[in-house]
Amino acid sequence: MSFLIPAAFADAAAPAAAAGPAGTGFEWVFLIGFLVIFYLMIWRPQAKRAKEHKSLLGGLQKGDEVVTSGGIAGKVTKVTDDFVVIEVSDSVELKFQKAAIAATLPKGTLKAI
């Protein structure tokens, strides 16, 4: 089995300590490039989505047609600080946390379904 693993011999002619650290500026370019990509692809879009969702929840009012994160569609009948009451059918109302609202629908969408 030793034929699969090549032998490594030390080279006495090449002192490794004398060379010093090579390319220290190049590592900084990679680090800064990685941080820029992280910011542009992950942090900025997520912050934008969070800002849009916060404005969506702040603008909820009675009569809006919404969809929850669980996929339940209904009409808002009551809005409080933390909760929203949604009418999903005639005389059937469900209470949800505001954070569970995923999107608003255009008026008349529920009747078209």
N, C-alpha and C. Protein backbone atom coordinates (compact mmCIF):
# COMPACT_ATOMS: atom_id res chain seq x y z
N MET A 1 0.81 -1.21 0.00
CA MET A 1 0.00 0.00 0.00
C MET A 1 0.84 1.26 0.00
N SER A 2 2.12 1.17 0.25
CA SER A 2 2.96 2.37 0.32
C SER A 2 3.16 3.01 -1.05
N PHE A 3 2.83 2.33 -2.12
CA PHE A 3 3.00 2.92 -3.44
C PHE A 3 1.94 4.00 -3.73
N LEU A 4 0.85 4.07 -2.95
CA LEU A 4 -0.17 5.10 -3.13
C LEU A 4 0.19 6.41 -2.43
N ILE A 5 1.08 6.33 -1.46
CA ILE A 5 1.46 7.52 -0.70
C ILE A 5 2.90 7.87 -1.04
N PRO A 6 3.12 9.01 -1.68
CA PRO A 6 4.50 9.35 -2.03
C PRO A 6 5.30 9.78 -0.79
N ALA A 7 6.57 9.54 -0.83
CA ALA A 7 7.45 9.91 0.27
C ALA A 7 7.77 11.40 0.16
N ALA A 8 7.82 12.08 1.30
CA ALA A 8 8.15 13.51 1.34
C ALA A 8 9.49 13.67 2.04
N PHE A 9 10.43 14.30 1.36
CA PHE A 9 11.76 14.51 1.91
C PHE A 9 11.97 16.00 2.14
N ALA A 10 12.60 16.34 3.24
CA ALA A 10 12.89 17.74 3.55
C ALA A 10 14.00 18.25 2.65
N ASP A 11 13.88 19.50 2.22
CA ASP A 11 14.88 20.11 1.37
C ASP A 11 15.71 21.05 2.23
N ALA A 12 16.95 20.72 2.43
CA ALA A 12 17.82 21.51 3.30
C ALA A 12 18.23 22.82 2.64
N ALA A 13 18.12 22.93 1.34
CA ALA A 13 18.60 24.11 0.63
C ALA A 13 17.63 25.28 0.67
N ALA A 14 16.36 25.05 1.00
CA ALA A 14 15.35 26.12 0.97
C ALA A 14 14.90 26.46 2.38
N PRO A 15 15.45 27.51 2.98
CA PRO A 15 15.00 27.90 4.33
C PRO A 15 13.65 28.61 4.25
N ALA A 16 12.64 28.06 4.92
CA ALA A 16 11.28 28.58 4.85
C ALA A 16 11.11 29.83 5.70
N ALA A 17 11.83 29.96 6.79
CA ALA A 17 11.64 31.09 7.69
C ALA A 17 12.19 32.39 7.12
N ALA A 18 13.12 32.32 6.20
CA ALA A 18 13.73 33.52 5.67
C ALA A 18 12.82 34.25 4.68
N ALA A 19 11.84 33.52 4.10
CA ALA A 19 10.99 34.14 3.08
C ALA A 19 10.03 35.16 3.67
N GLY A 20 9.51 34.95 4.85
CA GLY A 20 8.57 35.87 5.48
C GLY A 20 7.17 35.71 4.91
N PRO A 21 6.21 36.42 5.45
CA PRO A 21 4.83 36.30 4.95
C PRO A 21 4.70 36.93 3.57
N ALA A 22 4.21 36.16 2.64
CA ALA A 22 4.08 36.66 1.27
C ALA A 22 2.62 36.94 0.95
N GLY A 23 2.35 38.06 0.32
CA GLY A 23 1.00 38.35 -0.15
C GLY A 23 0.03 38.81 0.92
N THR A 24 0.46 39.54 1.92
CA THR A 24 -0.45 39.94 2.99
C THR A 24 -1.53 40.90 2.50
N GLY A 25 -1.25 41.69 1.50
CA GLY A 25 -2.26 42.60 0.97
C GLY A 25 -3.34 41.88 0.19
N PHE A 26 -2.97 40.78 -0.42
CA PHE A 26 -3.92 40.02 -1.23
C PHE A 26 -5.01 39.39 -0.37
N GLU A 27 -4.67 38.95 0.85
CA GLU A 27 -5.67 38.38 1.75
C GLU A 27 -6.71 39.43 2.17
N TRP A 28 -6.24 40.67 2.34
CA TRP A 28 -7.17 41.75 2.70
C TRP A 28 -8.16 42.03 1.59
N VAL A 29 -7.72 41.92 0.35
CA VAL A 29 -8.62 42.11 -0.79
C VAL A 29 -9.72 41.04 -0.76
N PHE A 30 -9.33 39.80 -0.49
CA PHE A 30 -10.33 38.73 -0.41
C PHE A 30 -11.30 38.96 0.74
N LEU A 31 -10.79 39.38 1.89
CA LEU A 31 -11.64 39.62 3.05
C LEU A 31 -12.64 40.74 2.78
N ILE A 32 -12.17 41.85 2.23
CA ILE A 32 -13.06 42.97 1.94
C ILE A 32 -14.05 42.61 0.85
N GLY A 33 -13.59 41.86 -0.16
CA GLY A 33 -14.51 41.40 -1.21
C GLY A 33 -15.59 40.50 -0.65
N PHE A 34 -15.23 39.61 0.26
CA PHE A 34 -16.20 38.73 0.89
C PHE A 34 -17.23 39.54 1.69
N LEU A 35 -16.77 40.54 2.43
CA LEU A 35 -17.70 41.37 3.21
C LEU A 35 -18.65 42.16 2.32
N VAL A 36 -18.16 42.66 1.20
CA VAL A 36 -19.01 43.39 0.26
C VAL A 36 -20.07 42.47 -0.33
N ILE A 37 -19.68 41.28 -0.73
CA ILE A 37 -20.64 40.31 -1.28
C ILE A 37 -21.66 39.93 -0.21
N PHE A 38 -21.22 39.70 1.02
CA PHE A 38 -22.13 39.38 2.12
C PHE A 38 -23.16 40.49 2.32
N TYR A 39 -22.70 41.74 2.29
CA TYR A 39 -23.60 42.88 2.47
C TYR A 39 -24.61 42.97 1.33
N LEU A 40 -24.14 42.86 0.10
CA LEU A 40 -25.02 43.04 -1.05
C LEU A 40 -25.99 41.89 -1.26
N MET A 41 -25.61 40.68 -0.93
CA MET A 41 -26.45 39.53 -1.23
C MET A 41 -27.29 39.04 -0.06
N ILE A 42 -26.89 39.35 1.16
CA ILE A 42 -27.61 38.80 2.31
C ILE A 42 -28.22 39.90 3.18
N TRP A 43 -27.41 40.80 3.70
CA TRP A 43 -27.90 41.73 4.70
C TRP A 43 -28.83 42.78 4.12
N ARG A 44 -28.46 43.41 3.02
CA ARG A 44 -29.26 44.49 2.45
C ARG A 44 -30.65 44.03 1.98
N PRO A 45 -30.77 42.91 1.23
CA PRO A 45 -32.11 42.48 0.83
C PRO A 45 -33.00 42.09 2.02
N GLN A 46 -32.40 41.47 3.03
CA GLN A 46 -33.20 41.08 4.19
C GLN A 46 -33.67 42.31 4.96
N ALA A 47 -32.83 43.31 5.09
CA ALA A 47 -33.25 44.54 5.77
C ALA A 47 -34.35 45.25 4.99
N LYS A 48 -34.27 45.20 3.66
CA LYS A 48 -35.30 45.82 2.82
C LYS A 48 -36.64 45.09 3.00
N ARG A 49 -36.60 43.74 3.01
CA ARG A 49 -37.84 42.97 3.22
C ARG A 49 -38.43 43.25 4.59
N ALA A 50 -37.60 43.34 5.62
CA ALA A 50 -38.10 43.61 6.97
C ALA A 50 -38.74 44.99 7.04
N LYS A 51 -38.16 45.97 6.37
CA LYS A 51 -38.72 47.33 6.35
C LYS A 51 -40.08 47.34 5.64
N GLU A 52 -40.18 46.63 4.51
CA GLU A 52 -41.45 46.56 3.78
C GLU A 52 -42.53 45.85 4.60
N HIS A 53 -42.15 44.78 5.31
CA HIS A 53 -43.12 44.04 6.12
C HIS A 53 -43.59 44.90 7.29
N LYS A 54 -42.68 45.67 7.88
CA LYS A 54 -43.05 46.55 8.99
C LYS A 54 -44.03 47.62 8.52
N SER A 55 -43.81 48.19 7.33
CA SER A 55 -44.74 49.19 6.82
C SER A 55 -46.08 48.56 6.44
N LEU A 56 -46.06 47.31 5.97
CA LEU A 56 -47.30 46.59 5.68
C LEU A 56 -48.13 46.41 6.94
N LEU A 57 -47.48 45.99 8.02
CA LEU A 57 -48.20 45.78 9.27
C LEU A 57 -48.68 47.10 9.88
N GLY A 58 -47.92 48.15 9.70
CA GLY A 58 -48.32 49.45 10.23
C GLY A 58 -49.51 50.04 9.48
N GLY A 59 -49.68 49.67 8.23
CA GLY A 59 -50.76 50.21 7.43
C GLY A 59 -52.02 49.36 7.38
N LEU A 60 -52.07 48.28 8.16
CA LEU A 60 -53.27 47.44 8.17
C LEU A 60 -54.45 48.20 8.75
N GLN A 61 -55.60 48.03 8.12
CA GLN A 61 -56.81 48.65 8.63
C GLN A 61 -58.00 47.76 8.33
N LYS A 62 -59.10 48.07 8.96
CA LYS A 62 -60.32 47.28 8.80
C LYS A 62 -60.77 47.31 7.33
N GLY A 63 -61.10 46.13 6.81
CA GLY A 63 -61.55 46.02 5.43
C GLY A 63 -60.48 45.54 4.46
N ASP A 64 -59.23 45.53 4.88
CA ASP A 64 -58.16 45.03 4.01
C ASP A 64 -58.29 43.52 3.83
N GLU A 65 -57.98 43.05 2.63
CA GLU A 65 -57.95 41.62 2.38
C GLU A 65 -56.50 41.17 2.45
N VAL A 66 -56.24 40.15 3.28
CA VAL A 66 -54.87 39.73 3.56
C VAL A 66 -54.71 38.22 3.43
N VAL A 67 -53.44 37.80 3.35
CA VAL A 67 -53.07 36.39 3.39
C VAL A 67 -52.07 36.22 4.52
N THR A 68 -52.26 35.19 5.33
CA THR A 68 -51.33 34.93 6.42
C THR A 68 -50.17 34.10 5.92
N SER A 69 -49.16 33.96 6.76
CA SER A 69 -48.01 33.15 6.39
C SER A 69 -48.38 31.67 6.29
N GLY A 70 -49.49 31.28 6.88
CA GLY A 70 -49.99 29.90 6.78
C GLY A 70 -50.86 29.67 5.56
N GLY A 71 -51.15 30.74 4.80
CA GLY A 71 -51.92 30.60 3.57
C GLY A 71 -53.41 30.86 3.73
N ILE A 72 -53.85 31.34 4.88
CA ILE A 72 -55.27 31.63 5.11
C ILE A 72 -55.56 33.03 4.61
N ALA A 73 -56.57 33.13 3.74
CA ALA A 73 -56.96 34.43 3.20
C ALA A 73 -58.24 34.88 3.86
N GLY A 74 -58.35 36.18 4.10
CA GLY A 74 -59.55 36.71 4.73
C GLY A 74 -59.54 38.22 4.75
N LYS A 75 -60.63 38.76 5.34
CA LYS A 75 -60.80 40.21 5.43
C LYS A 75 -60.59 40.65 6.87
N VAL A 76 -59.83 41.70 7.07
CA VAL A 76 -59.54 42.21 8.41
C VAL A 76 -60.80 42.87 8.97
N THR A 77 -61.20 42.45 10.18
CA THR A 77 -62.37 43.05 10.82
C THR A 77 -61.99 43.88 12.05
N LYS A 78 -60.83 43.59 12.64
CA LYS A 78 -60.41 44.35 13.82
C LYS A 78 -58.89 44.33 13.90
N VAL A 79 -58.31 45.49 14.23
CA VAL A 79 -56.86 45.61 14.35
C VAL A 79 -56.53 46.17 15.72
N THR A 80 -55.66 45.48 16.46
CA THR A 80 -55.14 46.00 17.73
C THR A 80 -53.63 46.13 17.59
N ASP A 81 -52.95 46.41 18.70
CA ASP A 81 -51.50 46.61 18.64
C ASP A 81 -50.76 45.36 18.19
N ASP A 82 -51.13 44.20 18.74
CA ASP A 82 -50.39 42.96 18.46
C ASP A 82 -51.18 41.93 17.66
N PHE A 83 -52.50 42.06 17.62
CA PHE A 83 -53.33 41.04 16.99
C PHE A 83 -54.26 41.64 15.93
N VAL A 84 -54.69 40.76 15.03
CA VAL A 84 -55.61 41.11 13.96
C VAL A 84 -56.69 40.04 13.92
N VAL A 85 -57.95 40.46 13.81
CA VAL A 85 -59.05 39.51 13.65
C VAL A 85 -59.42 39.49 12.18
N ILE A 86 -59.41 38.28 11.61
CA ILE A 86 -59.66 38.11 10.18
C ILE A 86 -60.92 37.27 9.98
N GLU A 87 -61.81 37.76 9.13
CA GLU A 87 -63.01 37.01 8.79
C GLU A 87 -62.69 36.17 7.56
N VAL A 88 -62.70 34.84 7.75
CA VAL A 88 -62.35 33.93 6.66
C VAL A 88 -63.57 33.42 5.93
N SER A 89 -64.73 33.50 6.57
CA SER A 89 -65.99 33.08 5.98
C SER A 89 -67.10 33.82 6.73
N ASP A 90 -68.33 33.69 6.25
CA ASP A 90 -69.44 34.33 6.96
C ASP A 90 -69.50 33.80 8.38
N SER A 91 -69.44 34.69 9.34
CA SER A 91 -69.50 34.42 10.78
C SER A 91 -68.36 33.54 11.30
N VAL A 92 -67.28 33.42 10.57
CA VAL A 92 -66.10 32.70 11.06
C VAL A 92 -64.93 33.69 11.11
N GLU A 93 -64.50 34.00 12.34
CA GLU A 93 -63.41 34.95 12.53
C GLU A 93 -62.26 34.26 13.27
N LEU A 94 -61.06 34.55 12.84
CA LEU A 94 -59.87 33.99 13.46
C LEU A 94 -58.98 35.13 13.93
N LYS A 95 -58.32 34.90 15.06
CA LYS A 95 -57.42 35.91 15.62
C LYS A 95 -55.98 35.49 15.33
N PHE A 96 -55.20 36.40 14.73
CA PHE A 96 -53.81 36.14 14.39
C PHE A 96 -52.92 37.22 14.98
N GLN A 97 -51.66 36.88 15.18
CA GLN A 97 -50.68 37.90 15.50
C GLN A 97 -50.43 38.71 14.24
N LYS A 98 -50.13 39.97 14.43
CA LYS A 98 -49.87 40.83 13.27
C LYS A 98 -48.70 40.32 12.44
N ALA A 99 -47.71 39.75 13.08
CA ALA A 99 -46.52 39.28 12.36
C ALA A 99 -46.84 38.12 11.42
N ALA A 100 -47.98 37.46 11.60
CA ALA A 100 -48.36 36.34 10.75
C ALA A 100 -48.94 36.79 9.41
N ILE A 101 -49.21 38.07 9.25
CA ILE A 101 -49.73 38.58 7.98
C ILE A 101 -48.58 38.64 6.99
N ALA A 102 -48.73 37.95 5.85
CA ALA A 102 -47.67 37.88 4.85
C ALA A 102 -47.84 38.93 3.76
N ALA A 103 -49.09 39.18 3.33
CA ALA A 103 -49.29 40.12 2.23
C ALA A 103 -50.73 40.61 2.24
N THR A 104 -50.94 41.75 1.59
CA THR A 104 -52.30 42.24 1.37
C THR A 104 -52.70 41.91 -0.07
N LEU A 105 -53.98 41.74 -0.27
CA LEU A 105 -54.51 41.41 -1.59
C LEU A 105 -55.27 42.62 -2.14
N PRO A 106 -55.39 42.71 -3.45
CA PRO A 106 -56.22 43.77 -4.02
C PRO A 106 -57.69 43.57 -3.63
N LYS A 107 -58.43 44.65 -3.53
CA LYS A 107 -59.84 44.58 -3.14
C LYS A 107 -60.61 43.72 -4.15
N GLY A 108 -61.48 42.86 -3.63
CA GLY A 108 -62.30 42.00 -4.47
C GLY A 108 -61.69 40.65 -4.79
N THR A 109 -60.50 40.39 -4.32
CA THR A 109 -59.83 39.12 -4.61
C THR A 109 -60.55 37.96 -3.95
N LEU A 110 -61.04 38.15 -2.72
CA LEU A 110 -61.69 37.05 -2.01
C LEU A 110 -63.00 36.65 -2.68
N LYS A 111 -63.73 37.59 -3.25
CA LYS A 111 -64.98 37.24 -3.93
C LYS A 111 -64.70 36.51 -5.24
N ALA A 112 -63.56 36.79 -5.85
CA ALA A 112 -63.22 36.13 -7.11
C ALA A 112 -62.76 34.70 -6.90
N ILE A 113 -62.37 34.36 -5.69
CA ILE A 113 -61.86 33.00 -5.42
C ILE A 113 -62.99 32.01 -5.31
